[in-house]
Amino acid sequence: MLASFYQNFLEKYLNKAQLITLKMLVWLLQTQKQVKLERLAATLPLPIDLSLI
């Protein structure tokens, strides 16, 4: 996940929902072997309209 330094810094500038979304994106990028928007959108547990990509 995020190092404590980054998390402490970002908590000052992001609200809770933004910080959670950022953590999910970082986790997805670390776990997925291929970075494709379609794959990230399918894996991210948020409602995303794939037709916009």
C-alpha atoms as a PDB file:
ATOM      1  CA  MET A   1       0.000   0.000   0.000  1.00  0.00           C
ATOM      2  CA  LEU A   2       1.119   3.541   0.650  1.00  0.00           C
ATOM      3  CA  ALA A   3       4.119   4.274   2.805  1.00  0.00           C
ATOM      4  CA  SER A   4       3.217   6.038   6.054  1.00  0.00           C
ATOM      5  CA  PHE A   5       5.018   9.209   4.920  1.00  0.00           C
ATOM      6  CA  TYR A   6       2.827   9.482   1.825  1.00  0.00           C
ATOM      7  CA  GLN A   7      -0.318   8.574   3.707  1.00  0.00           C
ATOM      8  CA  ASN A   8       0.297  11.242   6.355  1.00  0.00           C
ATOM      9  CA  PHE A   9       1.023  13.838   3.689  1.00  0.00           C
ATOM     10  CA  LEU A  10      -1.988  12.974   1.535  1.00  0.00           C
ATOM     11  CA  GLU A  11      -4.400  12.920   4.493  1.00  0.00           C
ATOM     12  CA  LYS A  12      -3.904  16.695   4.708  1.00  0.00           C
ATOM     13  CA  TYR A  13      -5.024  17.285   1.116  1.00  0.00           C
ATOM     14  CA  LEU A  14      -7.528  14.536   0.310  1.00  0.00           C
ATOM     15  CA  ASN A  15     -10.834  13.741   1.920  1.00  0.00           C
ATOM     16  CA  LYS A  16     -11.485  10.224   3.191  1.00  0.00           C
ATOM     17  CA  ALA A  17     -13.216   9.006   0.020  1.00  0.00           C
ATOM     18  CA  GLN A  18     -10.404  10.309  -2.196  1.00  0.00           C
ATOM     19  CA  LEU A  19      -7.764   8.681  -0.009  1.00  0.00           C
ATOM     20  CA  ILE A  20      -9.560   5.322  -0.083  1.00  0.00           C
ATOM     21  CA  THR A  21      -9.911   5.535  -3.876  1.00  0.00           C
ATOM     22  CA  LEU A  22      -6.214   6.338  -4.226  1.00  0.00           C
ATOM     23  CA  LYS A  23      -5.298   3.381  -2.005  1.00  0.00           C
ATOM     24  CA  MET A  24      -7.458   1.077  -4.123  1.00  0.00           C
ATOM     25  CA  LEU A  25      -5.821   2.344  -7.322  1.00  0.00           C
ATOM     26  CA  VAL A  26      -2.323   1.863  -5.913  1.00  0.00           C
ATOM     27  CA  TRP A  27      -3.240  -1.644  -4.770  1.00  0.00           C
ATOM     28  CA  LEU A  28      -4.650  -2.492  -8.194  1.00  0.00           C
ATOM     29  CA  LEU A  29      -1.547  -1.214  -9.952  1.00  0.00           C
ATOM     30  CA  GLN A  30       0.649  -3.282  -7.644  1.00  0.00           C
ATOM     31  CA  THR A  31      -1.335  -6.504  -8.077  1.00  0.00           C
ATOM     32  CA  GLN A  32      -2.145  -6.441 -11.791  1.00  0.00           C
ATOM     33  CA  LYS A  33       0.565  -7.638 -14.145  1.00  0.00           C
ATOM     34  CA  GLN A  34      -0.754  -5.685 -17.117  1.00  0.00           C
ATOM     35  CA  VAL A  35      -1.975  -2.130 -16.805  1.00  0.00           C
ATOM     36  CA  LYS A  36      -4.924  -1.679 -19.129  1.00  0.00           C
ATOM     37  CA  LEU A  37      -7.733   0.741 -18.376  1.00  0.00           C
ATOM     38  CA  GLU A  38     -10.350  -1.878 -19.185  1.00  0.00           C
ATOM     39  CA  ARG A  39      -8.794  -4.391 -16.784  1.00  0.00           C
ATOM     40  CA  LEU A  40      -8.373  -1.848 -13.986  1.00  0.00           C
ATOM     41  CA  ALA A  41     -11.939  -0.641 -14.452  1.00  0.00           C
ATOM     42  CA  ALA A  42     -13.226  -4.214 -14.293  1.00  0.00           C
ATOM     43  CA  THR A  43     -11.204  -4.955 -11.142  1.00  0.00           C
ATOM     44  CA  LEU A  44     -11.896  -1.703  -9.312  1.00  0.00           C
ATOM     45  CA  PRO A  45     -14.876  -2.176  -6.982  1.00  0.00           C
ATOM     46  CA  LEU A  46     -16.603   0.997  -8.182  1.00  0.00           C
ATOM     47  CA  PRO A  47     -19.327   1.419 -10.786  1.00  0.00           C
ATOM     48  CA  ILE A  48     -17.466   2.499 -13.932  1.00  0.00           C
ATOM     49  CA  ASP A  49     -19.034   2.814 -17.370  1.00  0.00           C
ATOM     50  CA  LEU A  50     -16.644   0.941 -19.658  1.00  0.00           C
ATOM     51  CA  SER A  51     -18.172   2.557 -22.732  1.00  0.00           C
ATOM     52  CA  LEU A  52     -16.460   5.828 -21.767  1.00  0.00           C
ATOM     53  CA  ILE A  53     -12.986   4.289 -21.995  1.00  0.00           C
END
